[in-house]
Amino acid sequence: MGLVAAAVAIAVVAFIVADPGGSSHKSSAVTHIVVKNAKPVGGIKPITVAKGGRVRFSVTSDVGDEIHVHGYNFHKDVKPGGTISFDFPATIDGQFVIELESRSEQIAALKVTP
């Protein structure tokens, strides 16, 4: 009986490790956005996170600009050919634009679900 319980416990831990966020989108996955010719490669990247989770994304850009997360009012400068990262708690639910600020070019759409 103890061996069966140990096997079940191992299976549960393996499932949690393989799918840490489940359907709540609280995983630690980092969304990577690539900007080429001042446009997001593949179009505007959707990022969905449950409120209380963490918003994690990085931007690699061939142009220098300020990356601005509207609503949260976070911003960082990225240099041409550089990469910057964001990691912050999802405390405000709603939909928010992430853009190359000086170009008014949307690169991602952040959705924080209640």
PDB file of N, CA and C in Angstrom:
ATOM      1  N   MET A   1       0.827  -1.185   0.000  1.00  0.00           N
ATOM      2  CA  MET A   1       0.000   0.000   0.000  1.00  0.00           C
ATOM      3  C   MET A   1       0.876   1.255   0.000  1.00  0.00           C
ATOM      4  N   GLY A   2       1.966   1.260   0.768  1.00  0.00           N
ATOM      5  CA  GLY A   2       2.861   2.417   0.828  1.00  0.00           C
ATOM      6  C   GLY A   2       3.493   2.714  -0.515  1.00  0.00           C
ATOM      7  N   LEU A   3       3.789   1.676  -1.299  1.00  0.00           N
ATOM      8  CA  LEU A   3       4.390   1.851  -2.615  1.00  0.00           C
ATOM      9  C   LEU A   3       3.410   2.539  -3.568  1.00  0.00           C
ATOM     10  N   VAL A   4       2.132   2.173  -3.474  1.00  0.00           N
ATOM     11  CA  VAL A   4       1.105   2.791  -4.319  1.00  0.00           C
ATOM     12  C   VAL A   4       0.961   4.270  -3.959  1.00  0.00           C
ATOM     13  N   ALA A   5       0.946   4.590  -2.680  1.00  0.00           N
ATOM     14  CA  ALA A   5       0.824   5.980  -2.243  1.00  0.00           C
ATOM     15  C   ALA A   5       2.020   6.798  -2.728  1.00  0.00           C
ATOM     16  N   ALA A   6       3.210   6.204  -2.662  1.00  0.00           N
ATOM     17  CA  ALA A   6       4.408   6.900  -3.136  1.00  0.00           C
ATOM     18  C   ALA A   6       4.326   7.148  -4.635  1.00  0.00           C
ATOM     19  N   ALA A   7       3.841   6.184  -5.393  1.00  0.00           N
ATOM     20  CA  ALA A   7       3.704   6.339  -6.842  1.00  0.00           C
ATOM     21  C   ALA A   7       2.703   7.437  -7.178  1.00  0.00           C
ATOM     22  N   VAL A   8       1.595   7.480  -6.442  1.00  0.00           N
ATOM     23  CA  VAL A   8       0.590   8.527  -6.667  1.00  0.00           C
ATOM     24  C   VAL A   8       1.193   9.896  -6.350  1.00  0.00           C
ATOM     25  N   ALA A   9       1.930   9.996  -5.255  1.00  0.00           N
ATOM     26  CA  ALA A   9       2.547  11.265  -4.875  1.00  0.00           C
ATOM     27  C   ALA A   9       3.528  11.732  -5.944  1.00  0.00           C
ATOM     28  N   ILE A  10       4.316  10.830  -6.483  1.00  0.00           N
ATOM     29  CA  ILE A  10       5.272  11.169  -7.542  1.00  0.00           C
ATOM     30  C   ILE A  10       4.528  11.636  -8.790  1.00  0.00           C
ATOM     31  N   ALA A  11       3.442  10.964  -9.131  1.00  0.00           N
ATOM     32  CA  ALA A  11       2.657  11.353 -10.307  1.00  0.00           C
ATOM     33  C   ALA A  11       2.070  12.753 -10.128  1.00  0.00           C
ATOM     34  N   VAL A  12       1.582  13.060  -8.949  1.00  0.00           N
ATOM     35  CA  VAL A  12       1.003  14.389  -8.684  1.00  0.00           C
ATOM     36  C   VAL A  12       2.078  15.457  -8.789  1.00  0.00           C
ATOM     37  N   VAL A  13       3.245  15.231  -8.214  1.00  0.00           N
ATOM     38  CA  VAL A  13       4.342  16.196  -8.285  1.00  0.00           C
ATOM     39  C   VAL A  13       4.773  16.390  -9.737  1.00  0.00           C
ATOM     40  N   ALA A  14       4.868  15.313 -10.494  1.00  0.00           N
ATOM     41  CA  ALA A  14       5.252  15.414 -11.905  1.00  0.00           C
ATOM     42  C   ALA A  14       4.237  16.238 -12.683  1.00  0.00           C
ATOM     43  N   PHE A  15       2.954  16.063 -12.400  1.00  0.00           N
ATOM     44  CA  PHE A  15       1.913  16.836 -13.079  1.00  0.00           C
ATOM     45  C   PHE A  15       2.032  18.319 -12.743  1.00  0.00           C
ATOM     46  N   ILE A  16       2.273  18.638 -11.484  1.00  0.00           N
ATOM     47  CA  ILE A  16       2.391  20.039 -11.070  1.00  0.00           C
ATOM     48  C   ILE A  16       3.614  20.679 -11.713  1.00  0.00           C
ATOM     49  N   VAL A  17       4.714  19.965 -11.769  1.00  0.00           N
ATOM     50  CA  VAL A  17       5.929  20.498 -12.383  1.00  0.00           C
ATOM     51  C   VAL A  17       5.720  20.691 -13.883  1.00  0.00           C
ATOM     52  N   ALA A  18       5.055  19.750 -14.543  1.00  0.00           N
ATOM     53  CA  ALA A  18       4.827  19.843 -15.979  1.00  0.00           C
ATOM     54  C   ALA A  18       3.836  20.939 -16.321  1.00  0.00           C
ATOM     55  N   ASP A  19       2.882  21.226 -15.437  1.00  0.00           N
ATOM     56  CA  ASP A  19       1.845  22.223 -15.702  1.00  0.00           C
ATOM     57  C   ASP A  19       1.664  23.091 -14.456  1.00  0.00           C
ATOM     58  N   PRO A  20       2.669  23.911 -14.120  1.00  0.00           N
ATOM     59  CA  PRO A  20       2.616  24.643 -12.864  1.00  0.00           C
ATOM     60  C   PRO A  20       1.478  25.643 -12.773  1.00  0.00           C
ATOM     61  N   GLY A  21       1.056  26.217 -13.883  1.00  0.00           N
ATOM     62  CA  GLY A  21       0.015  27.227 -13.825  1.00  0.00           C
ATOM     63  C   GLY A  21      -1.356  26.687 -14.076  1.00  0.00           C
ATOM     64  N   GLY A  22      -1.452  25.520 -14.662  1.00  0.00           N
ATOM     65  CA  GLY A  22      -2.746  24.976 -15.017  1.00  0.00           C
ATOM     66  C   GLY A  22      -3.515  25.946 -15.871  1.00  0.00           C
ATOM     67  N   SER A  23      -4.819  25.957 -15.735  1.00  0.00           N
ATOM     68  CA  SER A  23      -5.632  26.839 -16.550  1.00  0.00           C
ATOM     69  C   SER A  23      -5.696  28.253 -15.988  1.00  0.00           C
ATOM     70  N   SER A  24      -5.094  28.503 -14.841  1.00  0.00           N
ATOM     71  CA  SER A  24      -5.169  29.830 -14.252  1.00  0.00           C
ATOM     72  C   SER A  24      -4.124  30.790 -14.817  1.00  0.00           C
ATOM     73  N   HIS A  25      -3.226  30.318 -15.647  1.00  0.00           N
ATOM     74  CA  HIS A  25      -2.205  31.141 -16.288  1.00  0.00           C
ATOM     75  C   HIS A  25      -1.272  31.799 -15.282  1.00  0.00           C
ATOM     76  N   LYS A  26      -1.016  31.152 -14.153  1.00  0.00           N
ATOM     77  CA  LYS A  26      -0.094  31.706 -13.169  1.00  0.00           C
ATOM     78  C   LYS A  26       1.301  31.118 -13.336  1.00  0.00           C
ATOM     79  N   SER A  27       1.575  30.515 -14.475  1.00  0.00           N
ATOM     80  CA  SER A  27       2.869  29.887 -14.674  1.00  0.00           C
ATOM     81  C   SER A  27       3.953  30.942 -14.802  1.00  0.00           C
ATOM     82  N   SER A  28       5.177  30.502 -14.721  1.00  0.00           N
ATOM     83  CA  SER A  28       6.300  31.417 -14.802  1.00  0.00           C
ATOM     84  C   SER A  28       6.804  31.542 -16.237  1.00  0.00           C
ATOM     85  N   ALA A  29       6.021  31.134 -17.221  1.00  0.00           N
ATOM     86  CA  ALA A  29       6.439  31.219 -18.610  1.00  0.00           C
ATOM     87  C   ALA A  29       6.706  32.670 -18.991  1.00  0.00           C
ATOM     88  N   VAL A  30       7.762  32.872 -19.756  1.00  0.00           N
ATOM     89  CA  VAL A  30       8.119  34.199 -20.227  1.00  0.00           C
ATOM     90  C   VAL A  30       7.755  34.289 -21.709  1.00  0.00           C
ATOM     91  N   THR A  31       6.954  35.281 -22.059  1.00  0.00           N
ATOM     92  CA  THR A  31       6.612  35.525 -23.456  1.00  0.00           C
ATOM     93  C   THR A  31       7.727  36.361 -24.059  1.00  0.00           C
ATOM     94  N   HIS A  32       8.230  35.935 -25.216  1.00  0.00           N
ATOM     95  CA  HIS A  32       9.299  36.687 -25.874  1.00  0.00           C
ATOM     96  C   HIS A  32       8.738  37.386 -27.106  1.00  0.00           C
ATOM     97  N   ILE A  33       8.970  38.672 -27.197  1.00  0.00           N
ATOM     98  CA  ILE A  33       8.506  39.489 -28.314  1.00  0.00           C
ATOM     99  C   ILE A  33       9.733  39.952 -29.083  1.00  0.00           C
ATOM    100  N   VAL A  34       9.703  39.751 -30.389  1.00  0.00           N
ATOM    101  CA  VAL A  34      10.791  40.209 -31.245  1.00  0.00           C
ATOM    102  C   VAL A  34      10.269  41.343 -32.110  1.00  0.00           C
ATOM    103  N   VAL A  35      10.996  42.449 -32.091  1.00  0.00           N
ATOM    104  CA  VAL A  35      10.639  43.618 -32.891  1.00  0.00           C
ATOM    105  C   VAL A  35      11.663  43.748 -34.012  1.00  0.00           C
ATOM    106  N   LYS A  36      11.155  43.777 -35.250  1.00  0.00           N
ATOM    107  CA  LYS A  36      12.017  43.929 -36.420  1.00  0.00           C
ATOM    108  C   LYS A  36      11.415  45.014 -37.296  1.00  0.00           C
ATOM    109  N   ASN A  37      12.252  45.953 -37.731  1.00  0.00           N
ATOM    110  CA  ASN A  37      11.780  47.100 -38.514  1.00  0.00           C
ATOM    111  C   ASN A  37      10.673  47.839 -37.762  1.00  0.00           C
ATOM    112  N   ALA A  38      10.821  47.927 -36.438  1.00  0.00           N
ATOM    113  CA  ALA A  38       9.886  48.637 -35.550  1.00  0.00           C
ATOM    114  C   ALA A  38       8.488  48.041 -35.531  1.00  0.00           C
ATOM    115  N   LYS A  39       8.356  46.752 -35.863  1.00  0.00           N
ATOM    116  CA  LYS A  39       7.068  46.049 -35.841  1.00  0.00           C
ATOM    117  C   LYS A  39       7.254  44.713 -35.111  1.00  0.00           C
ATOM    118  N   PRO A  40       6.217  44.254 -34.397  1.00  0.00           N
ATOM    119  CA  PRO A  40       6.339  42.946 -33.728  1.00  0.00           C
ATOM    120  C   PRO A  40       6.287  41.806 -34.745  1.00  0.00           C
ATOM    121  N   VAL A  41       7.286  40.955 -34.726  1.00  0.00           N
ATOM    122  CA  VAL A  41       7.335  39.810 -35.632  1.00  0.00           C
ATOM    123  C   VAL A  41       6.171  38.876 -35.300  1.00  0.00           C
ATOM    124  N   GLY A  42       5.359  38.548 -36.302  1.00  0.00           N
ATOM    125  CA  GLY A  42       4.208  37.672 -36.089  1.00  0.00           C
ATOM    126  C   GLY A  42       2.978  38.420 -35.605  1.00  0.00           C
ATOM    127  N   GLY A  43       3.052  39.748 -35.530  1.00  0.00           N
ATOM    128  CA  GLY A  43       1.906  40.545 -35.098  1.00  0.00           C
ATOM    129  C   GLY A  43       1.914  40.798 -33.603  1.00  0.00           C
ATOM    130  N   ILE A  44       0.865  41.442 -33.159  1.00  0.00           N
ATOM    131  CA  ILE A  44       0.722  41.796 -31.746  1.00  0.00           C
ATOM    132  C   ILE A  44       0.621  40.519 -30.915  1.00  0.00           C
ATOM    133  N   LYS A  45       1.505  40.376 -29.948  1.00  0.00           N
ATOM    134  CA  LYS A  45       1.594  39.150 -29.137  1.00  0.00           C
ATOM    135  C   LYS A  45       0.611  39.212 -27.966  1.00  0.00           C
ATOM    136  N   PRO A  46      -0.300  38.218 -27.864  1.00  0.00           N
ATOM    137  CA  PRO A  46      -1.204  38.196 -26.710  1.00  0.00           C
ATOM    138  C   PRO A  46      -0.506  37.626 -25.470  1.00  0.00           C
ATOM    139  N   ILE A  47      -0.747  38.254 -24.335  1.00  0.00           N
ATOM    140  CA  ILE A  47      -0.236  37.770 -23.047  1.00  0.00           C
ATOM    141  C   ILE A  47      -1.433  37.746 -22.100  1.00  0.00           C
ATOM    142  N   THR A  48      -1.776  36.564 -21.584  1.00  0.00           N
ATOM    143  CA  THR A  48      -2.906  36.435 -20.667  1.00  0.00           C
ATOM    144  C   THR A  48      -2.411  35.876 -19.347  1.00  0.00           C
ATOM    145  N   VAL A  49      -2.773  36.556 -18.271  1.00  0.00           N
ATOM    146  CA  VAL A  49      -2.343  36.169 -16.924  1.00  0.00           C
ATOM    147  C   VAL A  49      -3.529  36.327 -15.981  1.00  0.00           C
ATOM    148  N   ALA A  50      -3.673  35.417 -15.043  1.00  0.00           N
ATOM    149  CA  ALA A  50      -4.706  35.550 -14.020  1.00  0.00           C
ATOM    150  C   ALA A  50      -4.259  36.582 -12.993  1.00  0.00           C
ATOM    151  N   LYS A  51      -5.202  37.384 -12.514  1.00  0.00           N
ATOM    152  CA  LYS A  51      -4.897  38.353 -11.472  1.00  0.00           C
ATOM    153  C   LYS A  51      -4.286  37.613 -10.291  1.00  0.00           C
ATOM    154  N   GLY A  52      -3.218  38.147  -9.767  1.00  0.00           N
ATOM    155  CA  GLY A  52      -2.494  37.481  -8.686  1.00  0.00           C
ATOM    156  C   GLY A  52      -1.289  36.721  -9.193  1.00  0.00           C
ATOM    157  N   GLY A  53      -1.244  36.466 -10.510  1.00  0.00           N
ATOM    158  CA  GLY A  53      -0.088  35.806 -11.117  1.00  0.00           C
ATOM    159  C   GLY A  53       1.003  36.821 -11.420  1.00  0.00           C
ATOM    160  N   ARG A  54       1.954  36.426 -12.245  1.00  0.00           N
ATOM    161  CA  ARG A  54       3.048  37.324 -12.619  1.00  0.00           C
ATOM    162  C   ARG A  54       3.017  37.546 -14.118  1.00  0.00           C
ATOM    163  N   VAL A  55       3.249  38.777 -14.504  1.00  0.00           N
ATOM    164  CA  VAL A  55       3.391  39.131 -15.914  1.00  0.00           C
ATOM    165  C   VAL A  55       4.879  39.078 -16.216  1.00  0.00           C
ATOM    166  N   ARG A  56       5.247  38.203 -17.161  1.00  0.00           N
ATOM    167  CA  ARG A  56       6.660  38.039 -17.505  1.00  0.00           C
ATOM    168  C   ARG A  56       6.789  38.055 -19.020  1.00  0.00           C
ATOM    169  N   PHE A  57       7.552  39.015 -19.528  1.00  0.00           N
ATOM    170  CA  PHE A  57       7.831  39.030 -20.955  1.00  0.00           C
ATOM    171  C   PHE A  57       9.151  39.749 -21.204  1.00  0.00           C
ATOM    172  N   SER A  58       9.732  39.458 -22.358  1.00  0.00           N
ATOM    173  CA  SER A  58      10.961  40.125 -22.771  1.00  0.00           C
ATOM    174  C   SER A  58      10.764  40.645 -24.188  1.00  0.00           C
ATOM    175  N   VAL A  59      11.527  41.660 -24.519  1.00  0.00           N
ATOM    176  CA  VAL A  59      11.458  42.270 -25.845  1.00  0.00           C
ATOM    177  C   VAL A  59      12.876  42.388 -26.386  1.00  0.00           C
ATOM    178  N   THR A  60      13.087  41.830 -27.576  1.00  0.00           N
ATOM    179  CA  THR A  60      14.327  42.023 -28.316  1.00  0.00           C
ATOM    180  C   THR A  60      13.970  42.895 -29.507  1.00  0.00           C
ATOM    181  N   SER A  61      14.670  44.007 -29.655  1.00  0.00           N
ATOM    182  CA  SER A  61      14.287  44.980 -30.674  1.00  0.00           C
ATOM    183  C   SER A  61      15.471  45.405 -31.524  1.00  0.00           C
ATOM    184  N   ASP A  62      15.207  45.612 -32.814  1.00  0.00           N
ATOM    185  CA  ASP A  62      16.251  46.128 -33.690  1.00  0.00           C
ATOM    186  C   ASP A  62      16.262  47.657 -33.700  1.00  0.00           C
ATOM    187  N   VAL A  63      15.309  48.270 -32.988  1.00  0.00           N
ATOM    188  CA  VAL A  63      15.262  49.730 -32.872  1.00  0.00           C
ATOM    189  C   VAL A  63      15.257  50.113 -31.398  1.00  0.00           C
ATOM    190  N   GLY A  64      15.814  51.257 -31.110  1.00  0.00           N
ATOM    191  CA  GLY A  64      15.775  51.763 -29.749  1.00  0.00           C
ATOM    192  C   GLY A  64      14.460  52.482 -29.498  1.00  0.00           C
ATOM    193  N   ASP A  65      13.874  52.254 -28.338  1.00  0.00           N
ATOM    194  CA  ASP A  65      12.615  52.911 -27.983  1.00  0.00           C
ATOM    195  C   ASP A  65      12.322  52.608 -26.521  1.00  0.00           C
ATOM    196  N   GLU A  66      11.287  53.241 -26.012  1.00  0.00           N
ATOM    197  CA  GLU A  66      10.794  52.931 -24.678  1.00  0.00           C
ATOM    198  C   GLU A  66       9.669  51.915 -24.820  1.00  0.00           C
ATOM    199  N   ILE A  67       9.749  50.828 -24.068  1.00  0.00           N
ATOM    200  CA  ILE A  67       8.655  49.853 -24.022  1.00  0.00           C
ATOM    201  C   ILE A  67       7.770  50.281 -22.866  1.00  0.00           C
ATOM    202  N   HIS A  68       6.484  50.499 -23.158  1.00  0.00           N
ATOM    203  CA  HIS A  68       5.558  51.019 -22.150  1.00  0.00           C
ATOM    204  C   HIS A  68       4.395  50.055 -21.970  1.00  0.00           C
ATOM    205  N   VAL A  69       4.142  49.665 -20.726  1.00  0.00           N
ATOM    206  CA  VAL A  69       2.986  48.839 -20.370  1.00  0.00           C
ATOM    207  C   VAL A  69       1.925  49.798 -19.832  1.00  0.00           C
ATOM    208  N   HIS A  70       0.930  50.074 -20.655  1.00  0.00           N
ATOM    209  CA  HIS A  70      -0.128  51.005 -20.253  1.00  0.00           C
ATOM    210  C   HIS A  70      -0.953  50.404 -19.120  1.00  0.00           C
ATOM    211  N   GLY A  71      -1.596  51.234 -18.338  1.00  0.00           N
ATOM    212  CA  GLY A  71      -2.392  50.779 -17.198  1.00  0.00           C
ATOM    213  C   GLY A  71      -1.529  50.577 -15.969  1.00  0.00           C
ATOM    214  N   TYR A  72      -0.474  49.816 -16.119  1.00  0.00           N
ATOM    215  CA  TYR A  72       0.475  49.614 -15.022  1.00  0.00           C
ATOM    216  C   TYR A  72       1.516  50.741 -15.000  1.00  0.00           C
ATOM    217  N   ASN A  73       1.650  51.407 -16.134  1.00  0.00           N
ATOM    218  CA  ASN A  73       2.585  52.517 -16.306  1.00  0.00           C
ATOM    219  C   ASN A  73       4.030  52.121 -16.017  1.00  0.00           C
ATOM    220  N   PHE A  74       4.399  50.917 -16.454  1.00  0.00           N
ATOM    221  CA  PHE A  74       5.788  50.485 -16.384  1.00  0.00           C
ATOM    222  C   PHE A  74       6.431  50.779 -17.725  1.00  0.00           C
ATOM    223  N   HIS A  75       7.688  51.204 -17.692  1.00  0.00           N
ATOM    224  CA  HIS A  75       8.392  51.474 -18.944  1.00  0.00           C
ATOM    225  C   HIS A  75       9.880  51.258 -18.759  1.00  0.00           C
ATOM    226  N   LYS A  76      10.498  50.773 -19.836  1.00  0.00           N
ATOM    227  CA  LYS A  76      11.948  50.555 -19.862  1.00  0.00           C
ATOM    228  C   LYS A  76      12.441  50.881 -21.259  1.00  0.00           C
ATOM    229  N   ASP A  77      13.673  51.385 -21.327  1.00  0.00           N
ATOM    230  CA  ASP A  77      14.285  51.658 -22.618  1.00  0.00           C
ATOM    231  C   ASP A  77      14.993  50.405 -23.127  1.00  0.00           C
ATOM    232  N   VAL A  78      14.806  50.149 -24.418  1.00  0.00           N
ATOM    233  CA  VAL A  78      15.537  49.070 -25.073  1.00  0.00           C
ATOM    234  C   VAL A  78      16.432  49.723 -26.120  1.00  0.00           C
ATOM    235  N   LYS A  79      17.672  49.291 -26.182  1.00  0.00           N
ATOM    236  CA  LYS A  79      18.625  49.824 -27.159  1.00  0.00           C
ATOM    237  C   LYS A  79      18.511  49.028 -28.457  1.00  0.00           C
ATOM    238  N   PRO A  80      18.909  49.606 -29.583  1.00  0.00           N
ATOM    239  CA  PRO A  80      18.890  48.843 -30.844  1.00  0.00           C
ATOM    240  C   PRO A  80      19.711  47.558 -30.704  1.00  0.00           C
ATOM    241  N   GLY A  81      19.097  46.433 -31.032  1.00  0.00           N
ATOM    242  CA  GLY A  81      19.763  45.137 -30.904  1.00  0.00           C
ATOM    243  C   GLY A  81      19.744  44.589 -29.491  1.00  0.00           C
ATOM    244  N   GLY A  82      19.093  45.293 -28.584  1.00  0.00           N
ATOM    245  CA  GLY A  82      19.071  44.889 -27.181  1.00  0.00           C
ATOM    246  C   GLY A  82      17.830  44.114 -26.787  1.00  0.00           C
ATOM    247  N   THR A  83      17.863  43.597 -25.572  1.00  0.00           N
ATOM    248  CA  THR A  83      16.746  42.862 -24.987  1.00  0.00           C
ATOM    249  C   THR A  83      16.502  43.403 -23.585  1.00  0.00           C
ATOM    250  N   ILE A  84      15.223  43.598 -23.253  1.00  0.00           N
ATOM    251  CA  ILE A  84      14.842  43.990 -21.898  1.00  0.00           C
ATOM    252  C   ILE A  84      13.761  43.033 -21.417  1.00  0.00           C
ATOM    253  N   SER A  85      13.623  42.932 -20.104  1.00  0.00           N
ATOM    254  CA  SER A  85      12.641  42.016 -19.523  1.00  0.00           C
ATOM    255  C   SER A  85      11.765  42.736 -18.519  1.00  0.00           C
ATOM    256  N   PHE A  86      10.524  42.276 -18.426  1.00  0.00           N
ATOM    257  CA  PHE A  86       9.579  42.763 -17.429  1.00  0.00           C
ATOM    258  C   PHE A  86       9.118  41.573 -16.605  1.00  0.00           C
ATOM    259  N   ASP A  87       8.942  41.773 -15.312  1.00  0.00           N
ATOM    260  CA  ASP A  87       8.445  40.746 -14.401  1.00  0.00           C
ATOM    261  C   ASP A  87       7.768  41.482 -13.259  1.00  0.00           C
ATOM    262  N   PHE A  88       6.422  41.463 -13.244  1.00  0.00           N
ATOM    263  CA  PHE A  88       5.693  42.196 -12.220  1.00  0.00           C
ATOM    264  C   PHE A  88       4.397  41.472 -11.875  1.00  0.00           C
ATOM    265  N   PRO A  89       3.855  41.727 -10.686  1.00  0.00           N
ATOM    266  CA  PRO A  89       2.613  41.060 -10.291  1.00  0.00           C
ATOM    267  C   PRO A  89       1.413  41.625 -11.052  1.00  0.00           C
ATOM    268  N   ALA A  90       0.507  40.739 -11.431  1.00  0.00           N
ATOM    269  CA  ALA A  90      -0.723  41.126 -12.123  1.00  0.00           C
ATOM    270  C   ALA A  90      -1.749  41.538 -11.073  1.00  0.00           C
ATOM    271  N   THR A  91      -1.739  42.811 -10.714  1.00  0.00           N
ATOM    272  CA  THR A  91      -2.596  43.306  -9.633  1.00  0.00           C
ATOM    273  C   THR A  91      -3.845  44.026 -10.139  1.00  0.00           C
ATOM    274  N   ILE A  92      -3.860  44.402 -11.416  1.00  0.00           N
ATOM    275  CA  ILE A  92      -4.987  45.137 -11.995  1.00  0.00           C
ATOM    276  C   ILE A  92      -5.568  44.297 -13.123  1.00  0.00           C
ATOM    277  N   ASP A  93      -6.867  43.922 -13.002  1.00  0.00           N
ATOM    278  CA  ASP A  93      -7.433  43.156 -14.109  1.00  0.00           C
ATOM    279  C   ASP A  93      -7.911  44.100 -15.209  1.00  0.00           C
ATOM    280  N   GLY A  94      -7.924  43.584 -16.426  1.00  0.00           N
ATOM    281  CA  GLY A  94      -8.327  44.370 -17.588  1.00  0.00           C
ATOM    282  C   GLY A  94      -7.439  44.060 -18.775  1.00  0.00           C
ATOM    283  N   GLN A  95      -7.551  44.892 -19.798  1.00  0.00           N
ATOM    284  CA  GLN A  95      -6.759  44.733 -21.017  1.00  0.00           C
ATOM    285  C   GLN A  95      -5.880  45.960 -21.196  1.00  0.00           C
ATOM    286  N   PHE A  96      -4.614  45.713 -21.519  1.00  0.00           N
ATOM    287  CA  PHE A  96      -3.625  46.777 -21.553  1.00  0.00           C
ATOM    288  C   PHE A  96      -2.741  46.669 -22.794  1.00  0.00           C
ATOM    289  N   VAL A  97      -2.399  47.810 -23.349  1.00  0.00           N
ATOM    290  CA  VAL A  97      -1.527  47.895 -24.516  1.00  0.00           C
ATOM    291  C   VAL A  97      -0.074  47.929 -24.047  1.00  0.00           C
ATOM    292  N   ILE A  98       0.769  47.186 -24.755  1.00  0.00           N
ATOM    293  CA  ILE A  98       2.219  47.266 -24.569  1.00  0.00           C
ATOM    294  C   ILE A  98       2.753  47.763 -25.903  1.00  0.00           C
ATOM    295  N   GLU A  99       3.518  48.851 -25.865  1.00  0.00           N
ATOM    296  CA  GLU A  99       3.915  49.438 -27.142  1.00  0.00           C
ATOM    297  C   GLU A  99       5.320  50.007 -27.126  1.00  0.00           C
ATOM    298  N   LEU A 100       5.809  50.249 -28.353  1.00  0.00           N
ATOM    299  CA  LEU A 100       6.989  51.067 -28.559  1.00  0.00           C
ATOM    300  C   LEU A 100       6.480  52.497 -28.420  1.00  0.00           C
ATOM    301  N   GLU A 101       6.776  53.120 -27.317  1.00  0.00           N
ATOM    302  CA  GLU A 101       6.123  54.372 -26.934  1.00  0.00           C
ATOM    303  C   GLU A 101       6.292  55.496 -27.956  1.00  0.00           C
ATOM    304  N   SER A 102       7.509  55.808 -28.366  1.00  0.00           N
ATOM    305  CA  SER A 102       7.701  56.962 -29.247  1.00  0.00           C
ATOM    306  C   SER A 102       7.130  56.734 -30.644  1.00  0.00           C
ATOM    307  N   ARG A 103       6.971  55.472 -31.022  1.00  0.00           N
ATOM    308  CA  ARG A 103       6.419  55.154 -32.338  1.00  0.00           C
ATOM    309  C   ARG A 103       4.916  54.860 -32.285  1.00  0.00           C
ATOM    310  N   SER A 104       4.352  54.779 -31.085  1.00  0.00           N
ATOM    311  CA  SER A 104       2.942  54.398 -30.898  1.00  0.00           C
ATOM    312  C   SER A 104       2.628  53.088 -31.625  1.00  0.00           C
ATOM    313  N   GLU A 105       3.568  52.150 -31.552  1.00  0.00           N
ATOM    314  CA  GLU A 105       3.420  50.860 -32.221  1.00  0.00           C
ATOM    315  C   GLU A 105       3.138  49.784 -31.172  1.00  0.00           C
ATOM    316  N   GLN A 106       1.924  49.229 -31.190  1.00  0.00           N
ATOM    317  CA  GLN A 106       1.575  48.179 -30.243  1.00  0.00           C
ATOM    318  C   GLN A 106       2.319  46.905 -30.597  1.00  0.00           C
ATOM    319  N   ILE A 107       2.946  46.293 -29.586  1.00  0.00           N
ATOM    320  CA  ILE A 107       3.696  45.056 -29.807  1.00  0.00           C
ATOM    321  C   ILE A 107       3.076  43.873 -29.060  1.00  0.00           C
ATOM    322  N   ALA A 108       2.262  44.159 -28.036  1.00  0.00           N
ATOM    323  CA  ALA A 108       1.633  43.078 -27.266  1.00  0.00           C
ATOM    324  C   ALA A 108       0.330  43.588 -26.661  1.00  0.00           C
ATOM    325  N   ALA A 109      -0.538  42.631 -26.350  1.00  0.00           N
ATOM    326  CA  ALA A 109      -1.819  42.924 -25.688  1.00  0.00           C
ATOM    327  C   ALA A 109      -1.872  42.109 -24.413  1.00  0.00           C
ATOM    328  N   LEU A 110      -1.805  42.792 -23.278  1.00  0.00           N
ATOM    329  CA  LEU A 110      -1.841  42.136 -21.972  1.00  0.00           C
ATOM    330  C   LEU A 110      -3.291  42.046 -21.497  1.00  0.00           C
ATOM    331  N   LYS A 111      -3.705  40.845 -21.136  1.00  0.00           N
ATOM    332  CA  LYS A 111      -5.036  40.638 -20.564  1.00  0.00           C
ATOM    333  C   LYS A 111      -4.842  39.993 -19.194  1.00  0.00           C
ATOM    334  N   VAL A 112      -5.337  40.682 -18.158  1.00  0.00           N
ATOM    335  CA  VAL A 112      -5.280  40.153 -16.802  1.00  0.00           C
ATOM    336  C   VAL A 112      -6.714  39.807 -16.410  1.00  0.00           C
ATOM    337  N   THR A 113      -6.959  38.523 -16.181  1.00  0.00           N
ATOM    338  CA  THR A 113      -8.306  38.049 -15.892  1.00  0.00           C
ATOM    339  C   THR A 113      -8.562  38.031 -14.393  1.00  0.00           C
ATOM    340  N   PRO A 114      -9.801  38.364 -13.979  1.00  0.00           N
ATOM    341  CA  PRO A 114     -10.124  38.373 -12.543  1.00  0.00           C
ATOM    342  C   PRO A 114     -10.100  36.977 -11.931  1.00  0.00           C
TER     343      PRO A 114
END
